[in-house]
Amino acid sequence: MNKNASRLRRAQTTRSRIRKQQVARLTVHRSNQHISAQVINPAGDRVIAAVSTQQAAVREGLKGTKNIQAAIEVGKRVAEQALAAGVESVAFDRSGFRYHGCVKALADAAREAGLKF
């Protein structure tokens, strides 16, 4: 089993619990170069808000796209978009990634911007 398969296996437990709660989820994906976040509706069939460091508007003013500052910016922007769409409460789906570093910084920034989870 490779690293990605192990990560996806870890993510299955969290996603199944979130599905049972019937609440929107804030999912995070972290790669070696970028970090992205999406707010997905409770049914799981529609993306409500999405932000990534691959977007030019997010990249402006950042020194890099894979550091904690970039994660904070993505967290703030995804929270703003979700609140504008009427979503105030979400469940955090870390997608099998450890809750530290960029993932933790993104979650903290989203909380500070007004999302509740």
PDB file of N, CA and C in Angstrom:
ATOM      1  N   MET A   1       0.844  -1.175   0.000  1.00  0.00           N
ATOM      2  CA  MET A   1       0.000   0.000   0.000  1.00  0.00           C
ATOM      3  C   MET A   1       0.892   1.242   0.000  1.00  0.00           C
ATOM      4  N   ASN A   2       0.631   2.147  -0.930  1.00  0.00           N
ATOM      5  CA  ASN A   2       1.441   3.361  -1.002  1.00  0.00           C
ATOM      6  C   ASN A   2       0.884   4.451  -0.081  1.00  0.00           C
ATOM      7  N   LYS A   3       1.569   5.574  -0.015  1.00  0.00           N
ATOM      8  CA  LYS A   3       1.187   6.644   0.915  1.00  0.00           C
ATOM      9  C   LYS A   3      -0.182   7.220   0.602  1.00  0.00           C
ATOM     10  N   ASN A   4      -0.484   7.402  -0.680  1.00  0.00           N
ATOM     11  CA  ASN A   4      -1.767   7.994  -1.038  1.00  0.00           C
ATOM     12  C   ASN A   4      -2.920   7.054  -0.705  1.00  0.00           C
ATOM     13  N   ALA A   5      -2.750   5.779  -0.947  1.00  0.00           N
ATOM     14  CA  ALA A   5      -3.799   4.807  -0.619  1.00  0.00           C
ATOM     15  C   ALA A   5      -4.018   4.745   0.896  1.00  0.00           C
ATOM     16  N   SER A   6      -2.954   4.839   1.666  1.00  0.00           N
ATOM     17  CA  SER A   6      -3.073   4.847   3.124  1.00  0.00           C
ATOM     18  C   SER A   6      -3.815   6.093   3.601  1.00  0.00           C
ATOM     19  N   ARG A   7      -3.516   7.232   2.996  1.00  0.00           N
ATOM     20  CA  ARG A   7      -4.178   8.472   3.364  1.00  0.00           C
ATOM     21  C   ARG A   7      -5.664   8.408   3.042  1.00  0.00           C
ATOM     22  N   LEU A   8      -6.005   7.887   1.875  1.00  0.00           N
ATOM     23  CA  LEU A   8      -7.413   7.785   1.495  1.00  0.00           C
ATOM     24  C   LEU A   8      -8.162   6.796   2.382  1.00  0.00           C
ATOM     25  N   ARG A   9      -7.494   5.750   2.825  1.00  0.00           N
ATOM     26  CA  ARG A   9      -8.108   4.796   3.741  1.00  0.00           C
ATOM     27  C   ARG A   9      -8.409   5.470   5.075  1.00  0.00           C
ATOM     28  N   ARG A  10      -7.492   6.289   5.564  1.00  0.00           N
ATOM     29  CA  ARG A  10      -7.728   7.032   6.808  1.00  0.00           C
ATOM     30  C   ARG A  10      -8.875   8.023   6.649  1.00  0.00           C
ATOM     31  N   ALA A  11      -9.009   8.588   5.475  1.00  0.00           N
ATOM     32  CA  ALA A  11     -10.040   9.596   5.234  1.00  0.00           C
ATOM     33  C   ALA A  11     -11.435   8.987   5.181  1.00  0.00           C
ATOM     34  N   GLN A  12     -11.560   7.721   4.858  1.00  0.00           N
ATOM     35  CA  GLN A  12     -12.874   7.091   4.723  1.00  0.00           C
ATOM     36  C   GLN A  12     -13.676   7.141   6.017  1.00  0.00           C
ATOM     37  N   THR A  13     -13.040   6.918   7.139  1.00  0.00           N
ATOM     38  CA  THR A  13     -13.734   6.924   8.423  1.00  0.00           C
ATOM     39  C   THR A  13     -14.346   8.293   8.695  1.00  0.00           C
ATOM     40  N   THR A  14     -13.551   9.330   8.512  1.00  0.00           N
ATOM     41  CA  THR A  14     -14.034  10.686   8.758  1.00  0.00           C
ATOM     42  C   THR A  14     -15.188  11.022   7.830  1.00  0.00           C
ATOM     43  N   ARG A  15     -15.049  10.692   6.574  1.00  0.00           N
ATOM     44  CA  ARG A  15     -16.088  11.043   5.600  1.00  0.00           C
ATOM     45  C   ARG A  15     -17.387  10.299   5.862  1.00  0.00           C
ATOM     46  N   SER A  16     -17.302   9.053   6.311  1.00  0.00           N
ATOM     47  CA  SER A  16     -18.531   8.314   6.600  1.00  0.00           C
ATOM     48  C   SER A  16     -19.254   8.912   7.811  1.00  0.00           C
ATOM     49  N   ARG A  17     -18.511   9.390   8.807  1.00  0.00           N
ATOM     50  CA  ARG A  17     -19.132  10.028   9.970  1.00  0.00           C
ATOM     51  C   ARG A  17     -19.757  11.364   9.595  1.00  0.00           C
ATOM     52  N   ILE A  18     -19.105  12.101   8.721  1.00  0.00           N
ATOM     53  CA  ILE A  18     -19.646  13.394   8.294  1.00  0.00           C
ATOM     54  C   ILE A  18     -20.924  13.187   7.491  1.00  0.00           C
ATOM     55  N   ARG A  19     -20.971  12.152   6.653  1.00  0.00           N
ATOM     56  CA  ARG A  19     -22.180  11.860   5.883  1.00  0.00           C
ATOM     57  C   ARG A  19     -23.368  11.587   6.793  1.00  0.00           C
ATOM     58  N   LYS A  20     -23.137  10.888   7.896  1.00  0.00           N
ATOM     59  CA  LYS A  20     -24.208  10.576   8.837  1.00  0.00           C
ATOM     60  C   LYS A  20     -24.715  11.832   9.545  1.00  0.00           C
ATOM     61  N   GLN A  21     -23.857  12.826   9.732  1.00  0.00           N
ATOM     62  CA  GLN A  21     -24.247  14.068  10.402  1.00  0.00           C
ATOM     63  C   GLN A  21     -25.099  14.969   9.517  1.00  0.00           C
ATOM     64  N   GLN A  22     -25.056  14.761   8.206  1.00  0.00           N
ATOM     65  CA  GLN A  22     -25.805  15.587   7.254  1.00  0.00           C
ATOM     66  C   GLN A  22     -25.484  17.072   7.420  1.00  0.00           C
ATOM     67  N   VAL A  23     -24.198  17.390   7.390  1.00  0.00           N
ATOM     68  CA  VAL A  23     -23.743  18.770   7.516  1.00  0.00           C
ATOM     69  C   VAL A  23     -22.738  19.038   6.383  1.00  0.00           C
ATOM     70  N   ALA A  24     -22.617  20.305   5.984  1.00  0.00           N
ATOM     71  CA  ALA A  24     -21.636  20.668   4.962  1.00  0.00           C
ATOM     72  C   ALA A  24     -20.242  20.360   5.487  1.00  0.00           C
ATOM     73  N   ARG A  25     -19.328  20.028   4.570  1.00  0.00           N
ATOM     74  CA  ARG A  25     -17.977  19.713   5.022  1.00  0.00           C
ATOM     75  C   ARG A  25     -16.947  20.590   4.344  1.00  0.00           C
ATOM     76  N   LEU A  26     -15.951  20.967   5.123  1.00  0.00           N
ATOM     77  CA  LEU A  26     -14.809  21.725   4.639  1.00  0.00           C
ATOM     78  C   LEU A  26     -13.685  20.729   4.434  1.00  0.00           C
ATOM     79  N   THR A  27     -13.366  20.446   3.186  1.00  0.00           N
ATOM     80  CA  THR A  27     -12.343  19.455   2.880  1.00  0.00           C
ATOM     81  C   THR A  27     -11.074  20.146   2.402  1.00  0.00           C
ATOM     82  N   VAL A  28      -9.947  19.593   2.785  1.00  0.00           N
ATOM     83  CA  VAL A  28      -8.639  20.169   2.496  1.00  0.00           C
ATOM     84  C   VAL A  28      -7.826  19.178   1.687  1.00  0.00           C
ATOM     85  N   HIS A  29      -7.108  19.679   0.696  1.00  0.00           N
ATOM     86  CA  HIS A  29      -6.146  18.837  -0.014  1.00  0.00           C
ATOM     87  C   HIS A  29      -4.820  19.576  -0.049  1.00  0.00           C
ATOM     88  N   ARG A  30      -3.777  18.868   0.313  1.00  0.00           N
ATOM     89  CA  ARG A  30      -2.442  19.448   0.376  1.00  0.00           C
ATOM     90  C   ARG A  30      -1.542  18.632  -0.535  1.00  0.00           C
ATOM     91  N   SER A  31      -0.839  19.309  -1.430  1.00  0.00           N
ATOM     92  CA  SER A  31       0.142  18.626  -2.264  1.00  0.00           C
ATOM     93  C   SER A  31       1.513  19.206  -1.944  1.00  0.00           C
ATOM     94  N   ASN A  32       2.516  18.785  -2.668  1.00  0.00           N
ATOM     95  CA  ASN A  32       3.851  19.318  -2.420  1.00  0.00           C
ATOM     96  C   ASN A  32       3.974  20.786  -2.833  1.00  0.00           C
ATOM     97  N   GLN A  33       3.136  21.238  -3.751  1.00  0.00           N
ATOM     98  CA  GLN A  33       3.243  22.593  -4.260  1.00  0.00           C
ATOM     99  C   GLN A  33       2.081  23.506  -3.868  1.00  0.00           C
ATOM    100  N   HIS A  34       0.895  22.961  -3.609  1.00  0.00           N
ATOM    101  CA  HIS A  34      -0.288  23.780  -3.409  1.00  0.00           C
ATOM    102  C   HIS A  34      -1.145  23.247  -2.268  1.00  0.00           C
ATOM    103  N   ILE A  35      -2.066  24.090  -1.821  1.00  0.00           N
ATOM    104  CA  ILE A  35      -3.069  23.690  -0.846  1.00  0.00           C
ATOM    105  C   ILE A  35      -4.415  24.231  -1.321  1.00  0.00           C
ATOM    106  N   SER A  36      -5.450  23.426  -1.177  1.00  0.00           N
ATOM    107  CA  SER A  36      -6.770  23.851  -1.621  1.00  0.00           C
ATOM    108  C   SER A  36      -7.803  23.429  -0.595  1.00  0.00           C
ATOM    109  N   ALA A  37      -8.937  24.128  -0.606  1.00  0.00           N
ATOM    110  CA  ALA A  37     -10.024  23.838   0.316  1.00  0.00           C
ATOM    111  C   ALA A  37     -11.342  24.010  -0.421  1.00  0.00           C
ATOM    112  N   GLN A  38     -12.312  23.158  -0.066  1.00  0.00           N
ATOM    113  CA  GLN A  38     -13.640  23.221  -0.658  1.00  0.00           C
ATOM    114  C   GLN A  38     -14.674  23.052   0.435  1.00  0.00           C
ATOM    115  N   VAL A  39     -15.795  23.723   0.290  1.00  0.00           N
ATOM    116  CA  VAL A  39     -16.960  23.486   1.142  1.00  0.00           C
ATOM    117  C   VAL A  39     -17.972  22.767   0.263  1.00  0.00           C
ATOM    118  N   ILE A  40     -18.348  21.562   0.679  1.00  0.00           N
ATOM    119  CA  ILE A  40     -19.235  20.701  -0.093  1.00  0.00           C
ATOM    120  C   ILE A  40     -20.551  20.575   0.657  1.00  0.00           C
ATOM    121  N   ASN A  41     -21.675  20.609  -0.084  1.00  0.00           N
ATOM    122  CA  ASN A  41     -22.987  20.567   0.559  1.00  0.00           C
ATOM    123  C   ASN A  41     -23.207  19.218   1.250  1.00  0.00           C
ATOM    124  N   PRO A  42     -24.205  19.111   2.134  1.00  0.00           N
ATOM    125  CA  PRO A  42     -24.408  17.878   2.908  1.00  0.00           C
ATOM    126  C   PRO A  42     -24.646  16.629   2.060  1.00  0.00           C
ATOM    127  N   ALA A  43     -25.264  16.786   0.898  1.00  0.00           N
ATOM    128  CA  ALA A  43     -25.492  15.625   0.037  1.00  0.00           C
ATOM    129  C   ALA A  43     -24.203  15.172  -0.642  1.00  0.00           C
ATOM    130  N   GLY A  44     -23.223  16.035  -0.727  1.00  0.00           N
ATOM    131  CA  GLY A  44     -21.947  15.681  -1.318  1.00  0.00           C
ATOM    132  C   GLY A  44     -21.930  15.773  -2.826  1.00  0.00           C
ATOM    133  N   ASP A  45     -22.921  16.432  -3.417  1.00  0.00           N
ATOM    134  CA  ASP A  45     -22.981  16.480  -4.869  1.00  0.00           C
ATOM    135  C   ASP A  45     -22.720  17.866  -5.454  1.00  0.00           C
ATOM    136  N   ARG A  46     -22.453  18.866  -4.599  1.00  0.00           N
ATOM    137  CA  ARG A  46     -22.243  20.212  -5.099  1.00  0.00           C
ATOM    138  C   ARG A  46     -21.195  20.942  -4.264  1.00  0.00           C
ATOM    139  N   VAL A  47     -20.302  21.637  -4.927  1.00  0.00           N
ATOM    140  CA  VAL A  47     -19.286  22.442  -4.248  1.00  0.00           C
ATOM    141  C   VAL A  47     -19.860  23.838  -4.036  1.00  0.00           C
ATOM    142  N   ILE A  48     -19.869  24.271  -2.791  1.00  0.00           N
ATOM    143  CA  ILE A  48     -20.422  25.578  -2.435  1.00  0.00           C
ATOM    144  C   ILE A  48     -19.355  26.661  -2.562  1.00  0.00           C
ATOM    145  N   ALA A  49     -18.139  26.365  -2.103  1.00  0.00           N
ATOM    146  CA  ALA A  49     -17.039  27.324  -2.160  1.00  0.00           C
ATOM    147  C   ALA A  49     -15.748  26.559  -2.393  1.00  0.00           C
ATOM    148  N   ALA A  50     -14.860  27.133  -3.173  1.00  0.00           N
ATOM    149  CA  ALA A  50     -13.574  26.484  -3.448  1.00  0.00           C
ATOM    150  C   ALA A  50     -12.493  27.542  -3.610  1.00  0.00           C
ATOM    151  N   VAL A  51     -11.360  27.305  -2.957  1.00  0.00           N
ATOM    152  CA  VAL A  51     -10.214  28.210  -3.051  1.00  0.00           C
ATOM    153  C   VAL A  51      -8.955  27.368  -3.113  1.00  0.00           C
ATOM    154  N   SER A  52      -8.003  27.798  -3.926  1.00  0.00           N
ATOM    155  CA  SER A  52      -6.744  27.084  -4.063  1.00  0.00           C
ATOM    156  C   SER A  52      -5.620  28.084  -4.296  1.00  0.00           C
ATOM    157  N   THR A  53      -4.411  27.687  -3.965  1.00  0.00           N
ATOM    158  CA  THR A  53      -3.256  28.539  -4.233  1.00  0.00           C
ATOM    159  C   THR A  53      -2.913  28.529  -5.721  1.00  0.00           C
ATOM    160  N   GLN A  54      -3.585  27.727  -6.508  1.00  0.00           N
ATOM    161  CA  GLN A  54      -3.378  27.743  -7.951  1.00  0.00           C
ATOM    162  C   GLN A  54      -4.094  28.924  -8.598  1.00  0.00           C
ATOM    163  N   GLN A  55      -5.016  29.550  -7.897  1.00  0.00           N
ATOM    164  CA  GLN A  55      -5.731  30.709  -8.418  1.00  0.00           C
ATOM    165  C   GLN A  55      -4.838  31.942  -8.323  1.00  0.00           C
ATOM    166  N   ALA A  56      -4.813  32.721  -9.379  1.00  0.00           N
ATOM    167  CA  ALA A  56      -3.937  33.893  -9.437  1.00  0.00           C
ATOM    168  C   ALA A  56      -4.290  34.915  -8.359  1.00  0.00           C
ATOM    169  N   ALA A  57      -5.575  35.072  -8.062  1.00  0.00           N
ATOM    170  CA  ALA A  57      -5.991  36.049  -7.055  1.00  0.00           C
ATOM    171  C   ALA A  57      -5.470  35.684  -5.670  1.00  0.00           C
ATOM    172  N   VAL A  58      -5.348  34.425  -5.387  1.00  0.00           N
ATOM    173  CA  VAL A  58      -4.847  33.971  -4.084  1.00  0.00           C
ATOM    174  C   VAL A  58      -3.329  34.073  -4.040  1.00  0.00           C
ATOM    175  N   ARG A  59      -2.687  33.773  -5.147  1.00  0.00           N
ATOM    176  CA  ARG A  59      -1.227  33.767  -5.208  1.00  0.00           C
ATOM    177  C   ARG A  59      -0.615  35.150  -5.055  1.00  0.00           C
ATOM    178  N   GLU A  60      -1.367  36.184  -5.422  1.00  0.00           N
ATOM    179  CA  GLU A  60      -0.826  37.544  -5.340  1.00  0.00           C
ATOM    180  C   GLU A  60      -0.478  37.906  -3.898  1.00  0.00           C
ATOM    181  N   GLY A  61       0.717  38.401  -3.700  1.00  0.00           N
ATOM    182  CA  GLY A  61       1.140  38.844  -2.380  1.00  0.00           C
ATOM    183  C   GLY A  61       1.714  37.748  -1.498  1.00  0.00           C
ATOM    184  N   LEU A  62       1.745  36.508  -1.980  1.00  0.00           N
ATOM    185  CA  LEU A  62       2.316  35.414  -1.198  1.00  0.00           C
ATOM    186  C   LEU A  62       3.737  35.129  -1.651  1.00  0.00           C
ATOM    187  N   LYS A  63       4.589  34.747  -0.724  1.00  0.00           N
ATOM    188  CA  LYS A  63       5.957  34.400  -1.079  1.00  0.00           C
ATOM    189  C   LYS A  63       6.040  33.017  -1.714  1.00  0.00           C
ATOM    190  N   GLY A  64       5.145  32.125  -1.302  1.00  0.00           N
ATOM    191  CA  GLY A  64       5.120  30.774  -1.856  1.00  0.00           C
ATOM    192  C   GLY A  64       3.717  30.215  -1.773  1.00  0.00           C
ATOM    193  N   THR A  65       3.509  29.058  -2.390  1.00  0.00           N
ATOM    194  CA  THR A  65       2.175  28.469  -2.416  1.00  0.00           C
ATOM    195  C   THR A  65       2.046  27.250  -1.518  1.00  0.00           C
ATOM    196  N   LYS A  66       3.103  26.876  -0.838  1.00  0.00           N
ATOM    197  CA  LYS A  66       3.030  25.669  -0.010  1.00  0.00           C
ATOM    198  C   LYS A  66       3.413  25.921   1.442  1.00  0.00           C
ATOM    199  N   ASN A  67       3.359  27.180   1.868  1.00  0.00           N
ATOM    200  CA  ASN A  67       3.743  27.493   3.240  1.00  0.00           C
ATOM    201  C   ASN A  67       2.509  27.813   4.085  1.00  0.00           C
ATOM    202  N   ILE A  68       2.736  28.103   5.349  1.00  0.00           N
ATOM    203  CA  ILE A  68       1.642  28.348   6.286  1.00  0.00           C
ATOM    204  C   ILE A  68       0.902  29.640   5.947  1.00  0.00           C
ATOM    205  N   GLN A  69       1.604  30.650   5.461  1.00  0.00           N
ATOM    206  CA  GLN A  69       0.934  31.895   5.076  1.00  0.00           C
ATOM    207  C   GLN A  69      -0.070  31.652   3.951  1.00  0.00           C
ATOM    208  N   ALA A  70       0.286  30.807   3.011  1.00  0.00           N
ATOM    209  CA  ALA A  70      -0.633  30.471   1.918  1.00  0.00           C
ATOM    210  C   ALA A  70      -1.847  29.723   2.466  1.00  0.00           C
ATOM    211  N   ALA A  71      -1.638  28.838   3.420  1.00  0.00           N
ATOM    212  CA  ALA A  71      -2.744  28.086   4.023  1.00  0.00           C
ATOM    213  C   ALA A  71      -3.685  29.016   4.777  1.00  0.00           C
ATOM    214  N   ILE A  72      -3.139  30.004   5.457  1.00  0.00           N
ATOM    215  CA  ILE A  72      -3.967  30.976   6.178  1.00  0.00           C
ATOM    216  C   ILE A  72      -4.822  31.765   5.197  1.00  0.00           C
ATOM    217  N   GLU A  73      -4.228  32.179   4.100  1.00  0.00           N
ATOM    218  CA  GLU A  73      -4.969  32.932   3.089  1.00  0.00           C
ATOM    219  C   GLU A  73      -6.099  32.095   2.482  1.00  0.00           C
ATOM    220  N   VAL A  74      -5.829  30.829   2.191  1.00  0.00           N
ATOM    221  CA  VAL A  74      -6.855  29.937   1.640  1.00  0.00           C
ATOM    222  C   VAL A  74      -7.973  29.741   2.663  1.00  0.00           C
ATOM    223  N   GLY A  75      -7.637  29.574   3.939  1.00  0.00           N
ATOM    224  CA  GLY A  75      -8.640  29.394   4.978  1.00  0.00           C
ATOM    225  C   GLY A  75      -9.554  30.596   5.114  1.00  0.00           C
ATOM    226  N   LYS A  76      -8.972  31.798   5.078  1.00  0.00           N
ATOM    227  CA  LYS A  76      -9.775  33.023   5.173  1.00  0.00           C
ATOM    228  C   LYS A  76     -10.726  33.142   3.991  1.00  0.00           C
ATOM    229  N   ARG A  77     -10.199  32.916   2.802  1.00  0.00           N
ATOM    230  CA  ARG A  77     -11.014  33.098   1.590  1.00  0.00           C
ATOM    231  C   ARG A  77     -12.123  32.066   1.473  1.00  0.00           C
ATOM    232  N   VAL A  78     -11.850  30.826   1.838  1.00  0.00           N
ATOM    233  CA  VAL A  78     -12.904  29.811   1.729  1.00  0.00           C
ATOM    234  C   VAL A  78     -13.996  30.083   2.756  1.00  0.00           C
ATOM    235  N   ALA A  79     -13.624  30.578   3.917  1.00  0.00           N
ATOM    236  CA  ALA A  79     -14.633  30.932   4.926  1.00  0.00           C
ATOM    237  C   ALA A  79     -15.494  32.097   4.450  1.00  0.00           C
ATOM    238  N   GLU A  80     -14.883  33.092   3.836  1.00  0.00           N
ATOM    239  CA  GLU A  80     -15.637  34.225   3.314  1.00  0.00           C
ATOM    240  C   GLU A  80     -16.631  33.779   2.251  1.00  0.00           C
ATOM    241  N   GLN A  81     -16.183  32.901   1.342  1.00  0.00           N
ATOM    242  CA  GLN A  81     -17.073  32.417   0.283  1.00  0.00           C
ATOM    243  C   GLN A  81     -18.217  31.585   0.860  1.00  0.00           C
ATOM    244  N   ALA A  82     -17.910  30.751   1.843  1.00  0.00           N
ATOM    245  CA  ALA A  82     -18.942  29.904   2.448  1.00  0.00           C
ATOM    246  C   ALA A  82     -19.975  30.751   3.185  1.00  0.00           C
ATOM    247  N   LEU A  83     -19.529  31.745   3.925  1.00  0.00           N
ATOM    248  CA  LEU A  83     -20.449  32.618   4.639  1.00  0.00           C
ATOM    249  C   LEU A  83     -21.313  33.417   3.658  1.00  0.00           C
ATOM    250  N   ALA A  84     -20.735  33.834   2.540  1.00  0.00           N
ATOM    251  CA  ALA A  84     -21.500  34.550   1.523  1.00  0.00           C
ATOM    252  C   ALA A  84     -22.566  33.651   0.895  1.00  0.00           C
ATOM    253  N   ALA A  85     -22.294  32.347   0.838  1.00  0.00           N
ATOM    254  CA  ALA A  85     -23.249  31.392   0.279  1.00  0.00           C
ATOM    255  C   ALA A  85     -24.275  30.941   1.317  1.00  0.00           C
ATOM    256  N   GLY A  86     -24.127  31.385   2.567  1.00  0.00           N
ATOM    257  CA  GLY A  86     -25.102  31.052   3.601  1.00  0.00           C
ATOM    258  C   GLY A  86     -24.743  29.857   4.460  1.00  0.00           C
ATOM    259  N   VAL A  87     -23.516  29.382   4.375  1.00  0.00           N
ATOM    260  CA  VAL A  87     -23.076  28.245   5.188  1.00  0.00           C
ATOM    261  C   VAL A  87     -22.294  28.787   6.372  1.00  0.00           C
ATOM    262  N   GLU A  88     -22.780  28.525   7.588  1.00  0.00           N
ATOM    263  CA  GLU A  88     -22.101  29.019   8.782  1.00  0.00           C
ATOM    264  C   GLU A  88     -21.403  27.908   9.549  1.00  0.00           C
ATOM    265  N   SER A  89     -21.933  26.688   9.450  1.00  0.00           N
ATOM    266  CA  SER A  89     -21.399  25.572  10.219  1.00  0.00           C
ATOM    267  C   SER A  89     -20.982  24.450   9.271  1.00  0.00           C
ATOM    268  N   VAL A  90     -19.791  23.924   9.468  1.00  0.00           N
ATOM    269  CA  VAL A  90     -19.265  22.848   8.631  1.00  0.00           C
ATOM    270  C   VAL A  90     -18.600  21.793   9.512  1.00  0.00           C
ATOM    271  N   ALA A  91     -18.331  20.647   8.925  1.00  0.00           N
ATOM    272  CA  ALA A  91     -17.505  19.622   9.557  1.00  0.00           C
ATOM    273  C   ALA A  91     -16.161  19.644   8.837  1.00  0.00           C
ATOM    274  N   PHE A  92     -15.077  19.539   9.572  1.00  0.00           N
ATOM    275  CA  PHE A  92     -13.740  19.637   8.980  1.00  0.00           C
ATOM    276  C   PHE A  92     -13.279  18.259   8.528  1.00  0.00           C
ATOM    277  N   ASP A  93     -13.000  18.135   7.247  1.00  0.00           N
ATOM    278  CA  ASP A  93     -12.500  16.902   6.654  1.00  0.00           C
ATOM    279  C   ASP A  93     -11.057  17.149   6.245  1.00  0.00           C
ATOM    280  N   ARG A  94     -10.131  16.587   7.002  1.00  0.00           N
ATOM    281  CA  ARG A  94      -8.712  16.819   6.730  1.00  0.00           C
ATOM    282  C   ARG A  94      -8.162  15.864   5.677  1.00  0.00           C
ATOM    283  N   SER A  95      -8.999  15.001   5.123  1.00  0.00           N
ATOM    284  CA  SER A  95      -8.655  14.106   4.015  1.00  0.00           C
ATOM    285  C   SER A  95      -7.502  13.167   4.334  1.00  0.00           C
ATOM    286  N   GLY A  96      -7.376  12.767   5.574  1.00  0.00           N
ATOM    287  CA  GLY A  96      -6.334  11.823   5.963  1.00  0.00           C
ATOM    288  C   GLY A  96      -4.999  12.467   6.264  1.00  0.00           C
ATOM    289  N   PHE A  97      -4.880  13.790   6.073  1.00  0.00           N
ATOM    290  CA  PHE A  97      -3.635  14.482   6.387  1.00  0.00           C
ATOM    291  C   PHE A  97      -3.570  14.739   7.882  1.00  0.00           C
ATOM    292  N   ARG A  98      -2.359  14.812   8.429  1.00  0.00           N
ATOM    293  CA  ARG A  98      -2.196  15.126   9.844  1.00  0.00           C
ATOM    294  C   ARG A  98      -2.694  16.529  10.143  1.00  0.00           C
ATOM    295  N   TYR A  99      -3.245  16.701  11.339  1.00  0.00           N
ATOM    296  CA  TYR A  99      -3.741  18.008  11.744  1.00  0.00           C
ATOM    297  C   TYR A  99      -2.597  18.790  12.381  1.00  0.00           C
ATOM    298  N   HIS A 100      -1.716  19.296  11.548  1.00  0.00           N
ATOM    299  CA  HIS A 100      -0.625  20.155  11.999  1.00  0.00           C
ATOM    300  C   HIS A 100      -0.104  20.917  10.797  1.00  0.00           C
ATOM    301  N   GLY A 101       0.681  21.931  11.036  1.00  0.00           N
ATOM    302  CA  GLY A 101       1.275  22.689   9.945  1.00  0.00           C
ATOM    303  C   GLY A 101       0.235  23.415   9.122  1.00  0.00           C
ATOM    304  N   CYS A 102       0.271  23.201   7.815  1.00  0.00           N
ATOM    305  CA  CYS A 102      -0.613  23.912   6.886  1.00  0.00           C
ATOM    306  C   CYS A 102      -2.079  23.573   7.106  1.00  0.00           C
ATOM    307  N   VAL A 103      -2.386  22.328   7.404  1.00  0.00           N
ATOM    308  CA  VAL A 103      -3.776  21.918   7.609  1.00  0.00           C
ATOM    309  C   VAL A 103      -4.345  22.612   8.846  1.00  0.00           C
ATOM    310  N   LYS A 104      -3.571  22.657   9.915  1.00  0.00           N
ATOM    311  CA  LYS A 104      -4.007  23.321  11.149  1.00  0.00           C
ATOM    312  C   LYS A 104      -4.141  24.827  10.932  1.00  0.00           C
ATOM    313  N   ALA A 105      -3.211  25.418  10.219  1.00  0.00           N
ATOM    314  CA  ALA A 105      -3.259  26.860   9.960  1.00  0.00           C
ATOM    315  C   ALA A 105      -4.494  27.216   9.136  1.00  0.00           C
ATOM    316  N   LEU A 106      -4.834  26.400   8.145  1.00  0.00           N
ATOM    317  CA  LEU A 106      -6.026  26.633   7.331  1.00  0.00           C
ATOM    318  C   LEU A 106      -7.282  26.554   8.193  1.00  0.00           C
ATOM    319  N   ALA A 107      -7.368  25.543   9.056  1.00  0.00           N
ATOM    320  CA  ALA A 107      -8.540  25.376   9.916  1.00  0.00           C
ATOM    321  C   ALA A 107      -8.675  26.548  10.888  1.00  0.00           C
ATOM    322  N   ASP A 108      -7.588  26.969  11.491  1.00  0.00           N
ATOM    323  CA  ASP A 108      -7.631  28.089  12.434  1.00  0.00           C
ATOM    324  C   ASP A 108      -8.049  29.384  11.737  1.00  0.00           C
ATOM    325  N   ALA A 109      -7.550  29.614  10.527  1.00  0.00           N
ATOM    326  CA  ALA A 109      -7.909  30.820   9.782  1.00  0.00           C
ATOM    327  C   ALA A 109      -9.384  30.811   9.402  1.00  0.00           C
ATOM    328  N   ALA A 110      -9.914  29.646   9.045  1.00  0.00           N
ATOM    329  CA  ALA A 110     -11.335  29.548   8.696  1.00  0.00           C
ATOM    330  C   ALA A 110     -12.203  29.812   9.928  1.00  0.00           C
ATOM    331  N   ARG A 111     -11.770  29.322  11.090  1.00  0.00           N
ATOM    332  CA  ARG A 111     -12.511  29.593  12.325  1.00  0.00           C
ATOM    333  C   ARG A 111     -12.509  31.078  12.649  1.00  0.00           C
ATOM    334  N   GLU A 112     -11.348  31.707  12.524  1.00  0.00           N
ATOM    335  CA  GLU A 112     -11.230  33.134  12.827  1.00  0.00           C
ATOM    336  C   GLU A 112     -12.071  33.972  11.875  1.00  0.00           C
ATOM    337  N   ALA A 113     -12.251  33.491  10.645  1.00  0.00           N
ATOM    338  CA  ALA A 113     -13.029  34.241   9.650  1.00  0.00           C
ATOM    339  C   ALA A 113     -14.536  34.044   9.836  1.00  0.00           C
ATOM    340  N   GLY A 114     -14.943  33.130  10.740  1.00  0.00           N
ATOM    341  CA  GLY A 114     -16.361  33.021  11.060  1.00  0.00           C
ATOM    342  C   GLY A 114     -17.003  31.672  10.860  1.00  0.00           C
ATOM    343  N   LEU A 115     -16.314  30.706  10.274  1.00  0.00           N
ATOM    344  CA  LEU A 115     -16.900  29.368  10.134  1.00  0.00           C
ATOM    345  C   LEU A 115     -16.889  28.669  11.482  1.00  0.00           C
ATOM    346  N   LYS A 116     -17.932  27.881  11.736  1.00  0.00           N
ATOM    347  CA  LYS A 116     -18.022  27.141  12.995  1.00  0.00           C
ATOM    348  C   LYS A 116     -17.870  25.662  12.716  1.00  0.00           C
ATOM    349  N   PHE A 117     -16.881  25.060  13.383  1.00  0.00           N
ATOM    350  CA  PHE A 117     -16.685  23.610  13.320  1.00  0.00           C
ATOM    351  C   PHE A 117     -15.847  23.156  14.483  1.00  0.00           C
TER     352      PHE A 117
END
